[in-house]
Amino acid sequence: MILFFLLNVIIHVPHLTEASCKSNGRHSPAYNPRGTHAILTLNNFGRGGDGGGASACDGRFHPLPQRVVALSTGWFSNGARCGRKIKIKARNGRSTVAEVVDECDSVHGCDKSHKHGQTCKTNIVDASQTVWKDLGLDIDDGEVPITWTIL
């Protein structure tokens, strides 16, 4: 009876299993040179930060006050956007420029290198706190709609 109960709990509570760690996919929404809609999230790219290891583009850490971002797997495009500058615009009209230094992995399942044990959504621009500050956004909001373009 106890075993039946435990199996029932595991099956019906996905966050206790690997089911919540499935891939979100390789394909991000299409890039629009006039402004691509995305969700801005917060990341600490410094050593020991919540971003995990060193950045995928250059194998380095990027502590504050650097203006850096990670793009979802599709937009990261196998590193083709590494080192590129992007302009990020918030709904409040403010904008800033940041450098692409990493991938926000939307393909691989959960492991200890993923923030909060989750894969990244396919429409994410994961940004340093300096980017949030430049845009006049509250980091406690967690996720904020933005648009971005490659410069």
N, C-alpha and C. Protein backbone atom coordinates (compact mmCIF):
# COMPACT_ATOMS: atom_id res chain seq x y z
N MET A 1 0.82 -1.19 0.00
CA MET A 1 0.00 0.00 0.00
C MET A 1 0.87 1.26 0.00
N ILE A 2 1.92 1.26 0.82
CA ILE A 2 2.80 2.43 0.88
C ILE A 2 3.52 2.62 -0.46
N LEU A 3 3.97 1.53 -1.05
CA LEU A 3 4.64 1.60 -2.34
C LEU A 3 3.70 2.17 -3.40
N PHE A 4 2.44 1.74 -3.43
CA PHE A 4 1.45 2.26 -4.35
C PHE A 4 1.28 3.76 -4.16
N PHE A 5 1.20 4.21 -2.92
CA PHE A 5 1.05 5.63 -2.63
C PHE A 5 2.25 6.42 -3.14
N LEU A 6 3.46 5.95 -2.88
CA LEU A 6 4.67 6.65 -3.32
C LEU A 6 4.75 6.74 -4.84
N LEU A 7 4.41 5.66 -5.53
CA LEU A 7 4.42 5.69 -6.98
C LEU A 7 3.39 6.68 -7.51
N ASN A 8 2.25 6.73 -6.89
CA ASN A 8 1.21 7.67 -7.28
C ASN A 8 1.68 9.12 -7.11
N VAL A 9 2.35 9.41 -6.02
CA VAL A 9 2.87 10.76 -5.78
C VAL A 9 3.90 11.13 -6.84
N ILE A 10 4.83 10.24 -7.13
CA ILE A 10 5.88 10.52 -8.10
C ILE A 10 5.28 10.75 -9.49
N ILE A 11 4.31 9.96 -9.86
CA ILE A 11 3.69 10.11 -11.18
C ILE A 11 2.91 11.41 -11.30
N HIS A 12 2.24 11.83 -10.25
CA HIS A 12 1.38 13.01 -10.32
C HIS A 12 2.04 14.30 -9.87
N VAL A 13 3.26 14.26 -9.45
CA VAL A 13 3.98 15.47 -9.05
C VAL A 13 5.25 15.54 -9.91
N PRO A 14 5.16 16.16 -11.11
CA PRO A 14 6.25 16.12 -12.06
C PRO A 14 7.55 16.73 -11.57
N HIS A 15 7.52 17.70 -10.68
CA HIS A 15 8.77 18.32 -10.26
C HIS A 15 9.63 17.37 -9.44
N LEU A 16 9.10 16.22 -9.07
CA LEU A 16 9.90 15.23 -8.36
C LEU A 16 10.57 14.25 -9.32
N THR A 17 10.26 14.36 -10.59
CA THR A 17 10.84 13.46 -11.58
C THR A 17 11.57 14.26 -12.64
N GLU A 18 12.22 13.55 -13.55
CA GLU A 18 12.91 14.19 -14.65
C GLU A 18 11.94 14.74 -15.70
N ALA A 19 10.63 14.46 -15.57
CA ALA A 19 9.66 14.93 -16.56
C ALA A 19 9.66 16.43 -16.70
N SER A 20 9.93 17.17 -15.63
CA SER A 20 9.93 18.62 -15.70
C SER A 20 11.21 19.15 -16.32
N CYS A 21 12.14 18.26 -16.64
CA CYS A 21 13.45 18.66 -17.16
C CYS A 21 13.57 18.44 -18.66
N LYS A 22 12.47 18.23 -19.34
CA LYS A 22 12.54 17.95 -20.77
C LYS A 22 12.97 19.18 -21.55
N SER A 23 13.40 18.94 -22.75
CA SER A 23 13.86 20.00 -23.64
C SER A 23 12.71 20.94 -23.99
N ASN A 24 13.04 22.22 -24.10
CA ASN A 24 12.08 23.20 -24.61
C ASN A 24 12.27 23.38 -26.11
N GLY A 25 13.31 22.80 -26.65
CA GLY A 25 13.52 22.83 -28.10
C GLY A 25 14.65 23.73 -28.54
N ARG A 26 15.09 23.46 -29.72
CA ARG A 26 16.20 24.17 -30.33
C ARG A 26 15.74 25.44 -31.05
N HIS A 27 14.48 25.51 -31.39
CA HIS A 27 13.99 26.57 -32.27
C HIS A 27 13.38 27.74 -31.49
N SER A 28 14.08 28.84 -31.53
CA SER A 28 13.56 30.08 -30.96
C SER A 28 12.66 30.72 -32.00
N PRO A 29 11.81 31.66 -31.59
CA PRO A 29 11.04 32.41 -32.60
C PRO A 29 11.99 33.04 -33.62
N ALA A 30 11.49 33.28 -34.81
CA ALA A 30 12.32 33.86 -35.87
C ALA A 30 12.87 35.22 -35.45
N TYR A 31 14.13 35.46 -35.80
CA TYR A 31 14.74 36.76 -35.52
C TYR A 31 14.17 37.79 -36.48
N ASN A 32 13.79 38.95 -35.97
CA ASN A 32 13.26 40.05 -36.77
C ASN A 32 14.22 41.23 -36.62
N PRO A 33 14.88 41.65 -37.69
CA PRO A 33 15.85 42.75 -37.59
C PRO A 33 15.23 44.08 -37.16
N ARG A 34 13.91 44.20 -37.18
CA ARG A 34 13.25 45.42 -36.69
C ARG A 34 12.92 45.34 -35.21
N GLY A 35 13.14 44.18 -34.61
CA GLY A 35 12.87 43.99 -33.19
C GLY A 35 12.26 42.62 -32.93
N THR A 36 13.00 41.79 -32.22
CA THR A 36 12.53 40.45 -31.90
C THR A 36 11.99 40.43 -30.48
N HIS A 37 10.77 39.97 -30.33
CA HIS A 37 10.15 39.89 -29.01
C HIS A 37 10.78 38.77 -28.20
N ALA A 38 11.03 39.06 -26.93
CA ALA A 38 11.67 38.08 -26.05
C ALA A 38 11.27 38.37 -24.61
N ILE A 39 11.71 37.48 -23.73
CA ILE A 39 11.54 37.66 -22.29
C ILE A 39 12.93 37.87 -21.69
N LEU A 40 13.08 38.95 -20.95
CA LEU A 40 14.33 39.25 -20.26
C LEU A 40 14.33 38.56 -18.90
N THR A 41 15.40 37.82 -18.63
CA THR A 41 15.59 37.20 -17.32
C THR A 41 16.93 37.66 -16.77
N LEU A 42 17.16 37.39 -15.50
CA LEU A 42 18.36 37.84 -14.81
C LEU A 42 19.36 36.70 -14.64
N ASN A 43 20.63 37.02 -14.87
CA ASN A 43 21.69 36.03 -14.68
C ASN A 43 22.92 36.73 -14.09
N ASN A 44 23.65 36.00 -13.27
CA ASN A 44 24.91 36.48 -12.73
C ASN A 44 26.02 35.73 -13.46
N PHE A 45 26.74 36.42 -14.32
CA PHE A 45 27.76 35.81 -15.16
C PHE A 45 29.13 35.78 -14.49
N GLY A 46 29.21 36.21 -13.22
CA GLY A 46 30.47 36.21 -12.49
C GLY A 46 30.80 34.83 -11.94
N ARG A 47 32.05 34.66 -11.53
CA ARG A 47 32.48 33.39 -10.94
C ARG A 47 31.59 33.10 -9.72
N GLY A 48 31.06 31.89 -9.64
CA GLY A 48 30.19 31.51 -8.54
C GLY A 48 28.76 31.99 -8.69
N GLY A 49 28.44 32.65 -9.81
CA GLY A 49 27.08 33.16 -10.04
C GLY A 49 26.13 32.07 -10.43
N ASP A 50 24.85 32.43 -10.56
CA ASP A 50 23.82 31.43 -10.87
C ASP A 50 23.87 30.94 -12.31
N GLY A 51 24.75 31.51 -13.12
CA GLY A 51 24.88 31.07 -14.50
C GLY A 51 25.65 29.78 -14.65
N GLY A 52 26.23 29.29 -13.57
CA GLY A 52 26.99 28.04 -13.65
C GLY A 52 28.43 28.31 -13.98
N GLY A 53 28.92 27.69 -15.03
CA GLY A 53 30.32 27.79 -15.41
C GLY A 53 30.62 29.04 -16.22
N ALA A 54 31.81 29.03 -16.77
CA ALA A 54 32.26 30.15 -17.60
C ALA A 54 31.39 30.25 -18.86
N SER A 55 31.38 31.40 -19.48
CA SER A 55 30.56 31.65 -20.66
C SER A 55 30.99 30.79 -21.84
N ALA A 56 30.01 30.36 -22.62
CA ALA A 56 30.26 29.47 -23.75
C ALA A 56 31.08 30.13 -24.85
N CYS A 57 30.96 31.44 -25.01
CA CYS A 57 31.65 32.11 -26.11
C CYS A 57 33.14 32.24 -25.91
N ASP A 58 33.57 32.57 -24.70
CA ASP A 58 34.99 32.86 -24.50
C ASP A 58 35.61 32.10 -23.32
N GLY A 59 34.81 31.26 -22.66
CA GLY A 59 35.34 30.49 -21.55
C GLY A 59 35.72 31.32 -20.34
N ARG A 60 35.17 32.54 -20.27
CA ARG A 60 35.49 33.44 -19.17
C ARG A 60 34.24 33.79 -18.37
N PHE A 61 34.48 34.33 -17.19
CA PHE A 61 33.39 34.87 -16.37
C PHE A 61 33.28 36.36 -16.66
N HIS A 62 32.07 36.90 -16.48
CA HIS A 62 31.81 38.30 -16.78
C HIS A 62 31.13 38.96 -15.58
N PRO A 63 31.93 39.40 -14.60
CA PRO A 63 31.35 40.00 -13.40
C PRO A 63 30.77 41.39 -13.68
N LEU A 64 29.95 41.85 -12.75
CA LEU A 64 29.40 43.20 -12.84
C LEU A 64 30.55 44.20 -12.80
N PRO A 65 30.42 45.30 -13.47
CA PRO A 65 29.22 45.86 -14.09
C PRO A 65 29.08 45.57 -15.59
N GLN A 66 29.66 44.49 -16.08
CA GLN A 66 29.60 44.21 -17.51
C GLN A 66 28.16 44.04 -17.99
N ARG A 67 27.92 44.54 -19.20
CA ARG A 67 26.61 44.42 -19.84
C ARG A 67 26.67 43.23 -20.80
N VAL A 68 26.22 42.07 -20.31
CA VAL A 68 26.32 40.84 -21.09
C VAL A 68 25.01 40.07 -21.03
N VAL A 69 24.83 39.21 -22.06
CA VAL A 69 23.61 38.40 -22.14
C VAL A 69 23.94 37.00 -22.63
N ALA A 70 23.01 36.09 -22.34
CA ALA A 70 22.97 34.76 -22.93
C ALA A 70 21.67 34.69 -23.73
N LEU A 71 21.73 34.11 -24.91
CA LEU A 71 20.54 33.95 -25.75
C LEU A 71 20.08 32.50 -25.73
N SER A 72 18.77 32.29 -25.86
CA SER A 72 18.23 30.93 -25.99
C SER A 72 18.94 30.21 -27.13
N THR A 73 18.96 28.89 -27.06
CA THR A 73 19.72 28.06 -27.99
C THR A 73 19.53 28.44 -29.46
N GLY A 74 18.31 28.60 -29.90
CA GLY A 74 18.06 28.93 -31.32
C GLY A 74 18.69 30.25 -31.72
N TRP A 75 18.52 31.27 -30.89
CA TRP A 75 19.09 32.59 -31.19
C TRP A 75 20.61 32.59 -31.04
N PHE A 76 21.14 31.77 -30.14
CA PHE A 76 22.58 31.65 -29.94
C PHE A 76 23.25 31.11 -31.20
N SER A 77 22.52 30.27 -31.93
CA SER A 77 22.92 29.79 -33.25
C SER A 77 24.31 29.17 -33.27
N ASN A 78 24.51 28.18 -32.39
CA ASN A 78 25.80 27.47 -32.30
C ASN A 78 26.98 28.41 -32.13
N GLY A 79 26.77 29.51 -31.45
CA GLY A 79 27.85 30.45 -31.17
C GLY A 79 28.06 31.51 -32.23
N ALA A 80 27.24 31.51 -33.28
CA ALA A 80 27.41 32.49 -34.37
C ALA A 80 27.22 33.93 -33.88
N ARG A 81 26.50 34.11 -32.77
CA ARG A 81 26.26 35.47 -32.26
C ARG A 81 27.21 35.85 -31.12
N CYS A 82 28.18 34.98 -30.82
CA CYS A 82 29.16 35.30 -29.78
C CYS A 82 29.89 36.60 -30.10
N GLY A 83 30.01 37.44 -29.10
CA GLY A 83 30.72 38.71 -29.25
C GLY A 83 29.92 39.81 -29.93
N ARG A 84 28.76 39.47 -30.46
CA ARG A 84 27.93 40.48 -31.13
C ARG A 84 27.27 41.36 -30.07
N LYS A 85 27.05 42.60 -30.43
CA LYS A 85 26.34 43.54 -29.57
C LYS A 85 24.87 43.51 -29.97
N ILE A 86 24.00 43.52 -28.96
CA ILE A 86 22.57 43.61 -29.24
C ILE A 86 22.01 44.81 -28.49
N LYS A 87 21.00 45.41 -29.10
CA LYS A 87 20.27 46.51 -28.46
C LYS A 87 19.01 45.92 -27.87
N ILE A 88 18.78 46.20 -26.60
CA ILE A 88 17.62 45.68 -25.88
C ILE A 88 16.73 46.87 -25.52
N LYS A 89 15.46 46.75 -25.84
CA LYS A 89 14.52 47.84 -25.55
C LYS A 89 13.38 47.32 -24.67
N ALA A 90 13.14 48.02 -23.57
CA ALA A 90 12.05 47.67 -22.65
C ALA A 90 10.78 48.42 -23.06
N ARG A 91 9.66 47.97 -22.54
CA ARG A 91 8.38 48.61 -22.85
C ARG A 91 8.29 50.04 -22.32
N ASN A 92 9.14 50.37 -21.33
CA ASN A 92 9.13 51.74 -20.78
C ASN A 92 9.87 52.71 -21.69
N GLY A 93 10.37 52.24 -22.84
CA GLY A 93 11.05 53.09 -23.81
C GLY A 93 12.56 53.16 -23.64
N ARG A 94 13.07 52.68 -22.52
CA ARG A 94 14.52 52.72 -22.30
C ARG A 94 15.20 51.58 -23.04
N SER A 95 16.46 51.82 -23.42
CA SER A 95 17.22 50.79 -24.12
C SER A 95 18.67 50.79 -23.66
N THR A 96 19.37 49.70 -23.97
CA THR A 96 20.78 49.56 -23.65
C THR A 96 21.40 48.59 -24.64
N VAL A 97 22.72 48.54 -24.64
CA VAL A 97 23.46 47.63 -25.51
C VAL A 97 24.23 46.65 -24.64
N ALA A 98 24.22 45.37 -25.04
CA ALA A 98 24.94 44.34 -24.30
C ALA A 98 25.63 43.40 -25.29
N GLU A 99 26.62 42.67 -24.79
CA GLU A 99 27.36 41.72 -25.61
C GLU A 99 26.87 40.29 -25.35
N VAL A 100 26.71 39.52 -26.42
CA VAL A 100 26.34 38.11 -26.30
C VAL A 100 27.59 37.33 -25.89
N VAL A 101 27.53 36.68 -24.72
CA VAL A 101 28.67 35.91 -24.23
C VAL A 101 28.33 34.45 -23.91
N ASP A 102 27.04 34.09 -23.98
CA ASP A 102 26.69 32.75 -23.53
C ASP A 102 25.39 32.29 -24.17
N GLU A 103 25.12 31.00 -23.98
CA GLU A 103 23.88 30.36 -24.42
C GLU A 103 23.00 30.08 -23.21
N CYS A 104 21.72 30.36 -23.34
CA CYS A 104 20.73 29.95 -22.35
C CYS A 104 20.13 28.67 -22.93
N ASP A 105 20.59 27.53 -22.46
CA ASP A 105 20.33 26.23 -23.07
C ASP A 105 18.86 25.82 -22.96
N SER A 106 18.21 25.73 -24.11
CA SER A 106 16.80 25.32 -24.13
C SER A 106 16.63 23.90 -24.65
N VAL A 107 17.74 23.17 -24.79
CA VAL A 107 17.69 21.85 -25.38
C VAL A 107 17.89 20.73 -24.37
N HIS A 108 18.92 20.81 -23.57
CA HIS A 108 19.30 19.71 -22.70
C HIS A 108 18.48 19.67 -21.42
N GLY A 109 18.29 18.48 -20.90
CA GLY A 109 17.54 18.30 -19.67
C GLY A 109 18.24 18.89 -18.47
N CYS A 110 17.60 18.83 -17.35
CA CYS A 110 18.11 19.42 -16.12
C CYS A 110 19.40 18.76 -15.68
N ASP A 111 20.30 19.56 -15.21
CA ASP A 111 21.49 19.11 -14.51
C ASP A 111 21.93 20.25 -13.61
N LYS A 112 22.96 20.05 -12.84
CA LYS A 112 23.31 21.07 -11.86
C LYS A 112 23.83 22.36 -12.48
N SER A 113 24.13 22.38 -13.79
CA SER A 113 24.60 23.63 -14.39
C SER A 113 23.45 24.54 -14.81
N HIS A 114 22.22 24.04 -14.80
CA HIS A 114 21.08 24.87 -15.17
C HIS A 114 20.50 25.55 -13.95
N LYS A 115 20.24 26.83 -14.08
CA LYS A 115 19.62 27.61 -13.03
C LYS A 115 18.33 26.97 -12.57
N HIS A 116 18.18 26.84 -11.29
CA HIS A 116 16.95 26.33 -10.70
C HIS A 116 16.54 24.98 -11.27
N GLY A 117 17.52 24.25 -11.86
CA GLY A 117 17.25 22.91 -12.36
C GLY A 117 16.32 22.87 -13.56
N GLN A 118 16.24 23.93 -14.34
CA GLN A 118 15.35 23.96 -15.49
C GLN A 118 16.11 24.32 -16.74
N THR A 119 15.60 23.86 -17.88
CA THR A 119 16.14 24.32 -19.14
C THR A 119 15.56 25.70 -19.42
N CYS A 120 16.19 26.40 -20.30
CA CYS A 120 15.78 27.76 -20.66
C CYS A 120 14.61 27.69 -21.66
N LYS A 121 13.72 28.63 -21.60
CA LYS A 121 12.67 28.74 -22.62
C LYS A 121 13.33 29.15 -23.94
N THR A 122 12.62 29.02 -25.03
CA THR A 122 13.20 29.30 -26.35
C THR A 122 13.20 30.79 -26.73
N ASN A 123 12.65 31.65 -25.87
CA ASN A 123 12.53 33.07 -26.21
C ASN A 123 13.18 33.97 -25.15
N ILE A 124 14.34 33.57 -24.65
CA ILE A 124 14.96 34.25 -23.51
C ILE A 124 16.20 35.04 -23.91
N VAL A 125 16.30 36.25 -23.36
CA VAL A 125 17.53 37.01 -23.32
C VAL A 125 17.85 37.10 -21.83
N ASP A 126 18.86 36.36 -21.41
CA ASP A 126 19.25 36.25 -20.01
C ASP A 126 20.34 37.30 -19.78
N ALA A 127 20.08 38.29 -18.96
CA ALA A 127 20.94 39.47 -18.89
C ALA A 127 21.52 39.73 -17.50
N SER A 128 22.66 40.40 -17.50
CA SER A 128 23.30 40.80 -16.24
C SER A 128 22.47 41.89 -15.56
N GLN A 129 22.72 42.06 -14.28
CA GLN A 129 21.99 43.05 -13.49
C GLN A 129 22.20 44.46 -14.03
N THR A 130 23.36 44.75 -14.60
CA THR A 130 23.63 46.07 -15.17
C THR A 130 22.66 46.38 -16.30
N VAL A 131 22.34 45.39 -17.11
CA VAL A 131 21.38 45.57 -18.20
C VAL A 131 20.02 45.93 -17.62
N TRP A 132 19.60 45.21 -16.60
CA TRP A 132 18.32 45.50 -15.95
C TRP A 132 18.31 46.94 -15.41
N LYS A 133 19.40 47.33 -14.79
CA LYS A 133 19.49 48.68 -14.21
C LYS A 133 19.41 49.74 -15.31
N ASP A 134 20.15 49.53 -16.42
CA ASP A 134 20.10 50.47 -17.54
C ASP A 134 18.69 50.65 -18.07
N LEU A 135 17.93 49.55 -18.07
CA LEU A 135 16.56 49.59 -18.59
C LEU A 135 15.56 50.13 -17.57
N GLY A 136 16.01 50.38 -16.36
CA GLY A 136 15.12 50.88 -15.32
C GLY A 136 14.12 49.85 -14.85
N LEU A 137 14.52 48.57 -14.87
CA LEU A 137 13.62 47.48 -14.50
C LEU A 137 13.93 46.96 -13.11
N ASP A 138 12.92 46.40 -12.48
CA ASP A 138 13.04 45.82 -11.15
C ASP A 138 13.38 44.34 -11.28
N ILE A 139 14.55 43.93 -10.80
CA ILE A 139 14.96 42.52 -10.94
C ILE A 139 14.02 41.57 -10.22
N ASP A 140 13.27 42.07 -9.24
CA ASP A 140 12.31 41.22 -8.53
C ASP A 140 11.15 40.79 -9.42
N ASP A 141 10.97 41.46 -10.57
CA ASP A 141 9.91 41.06 -11.50
C ASP A 141 10.22 39.71 -12.15
N GLY A 142 11.50 39.35 -12.23
CA GLY A 142 11.90 38.04 -12.72
C GLY A 142 11.92 37.87 -14.22
N GLU A 143 10.81 38.14 -14.88
CA GLU A 143 10.69 38.03 -16.33
C GLU A 143 9.96 39.26 -16.85
N VAL A 144 10.57 39.90 -17.86
CA VAL A 144 9.99 41.13 -18.41
C VAL A 144 10.03 41.07 -19.94
N PRO A 145 8.93 41.41 -20.61
CA PRO A 145 8.94 41.42 -22.07
C PRO A 145 9.84 42.55 -22.60
N ILE A 146 10.63 42.22 -23.62
CA ILE A 146 11.52 43.19 -24.27
C ILE A 146 11.54 42.91 -25.77
N THR A 147 12.20 43.78 -26.51
CA THR A 147 12.56 43.49 -27.90
C THR A 147 14.06 43.68 -28.01
N TRP A 148 14.67 42.97 -28.96
CA TRP A 148 16.11 43.10 -29.17
C TRP A 148 16.45 43.03 -30.65
N THR A 149 17.56 43.68 -30.99
CA THR A 149 18.07 43.65 -32.35
C THR A 149 19.60 43.52 -32.30
N ILE A 150 20.17 42.96 -33.35
CA ILE A 150 21.62 42.85 -33.47
C ILE A 150 22.13 44.15 -34.06
N LEU A 151 23.19 44.67 -33.47
CA LEU A 151 23.78 45.91 -33.99
C LEU A 151 24.85 45.59 -35.02
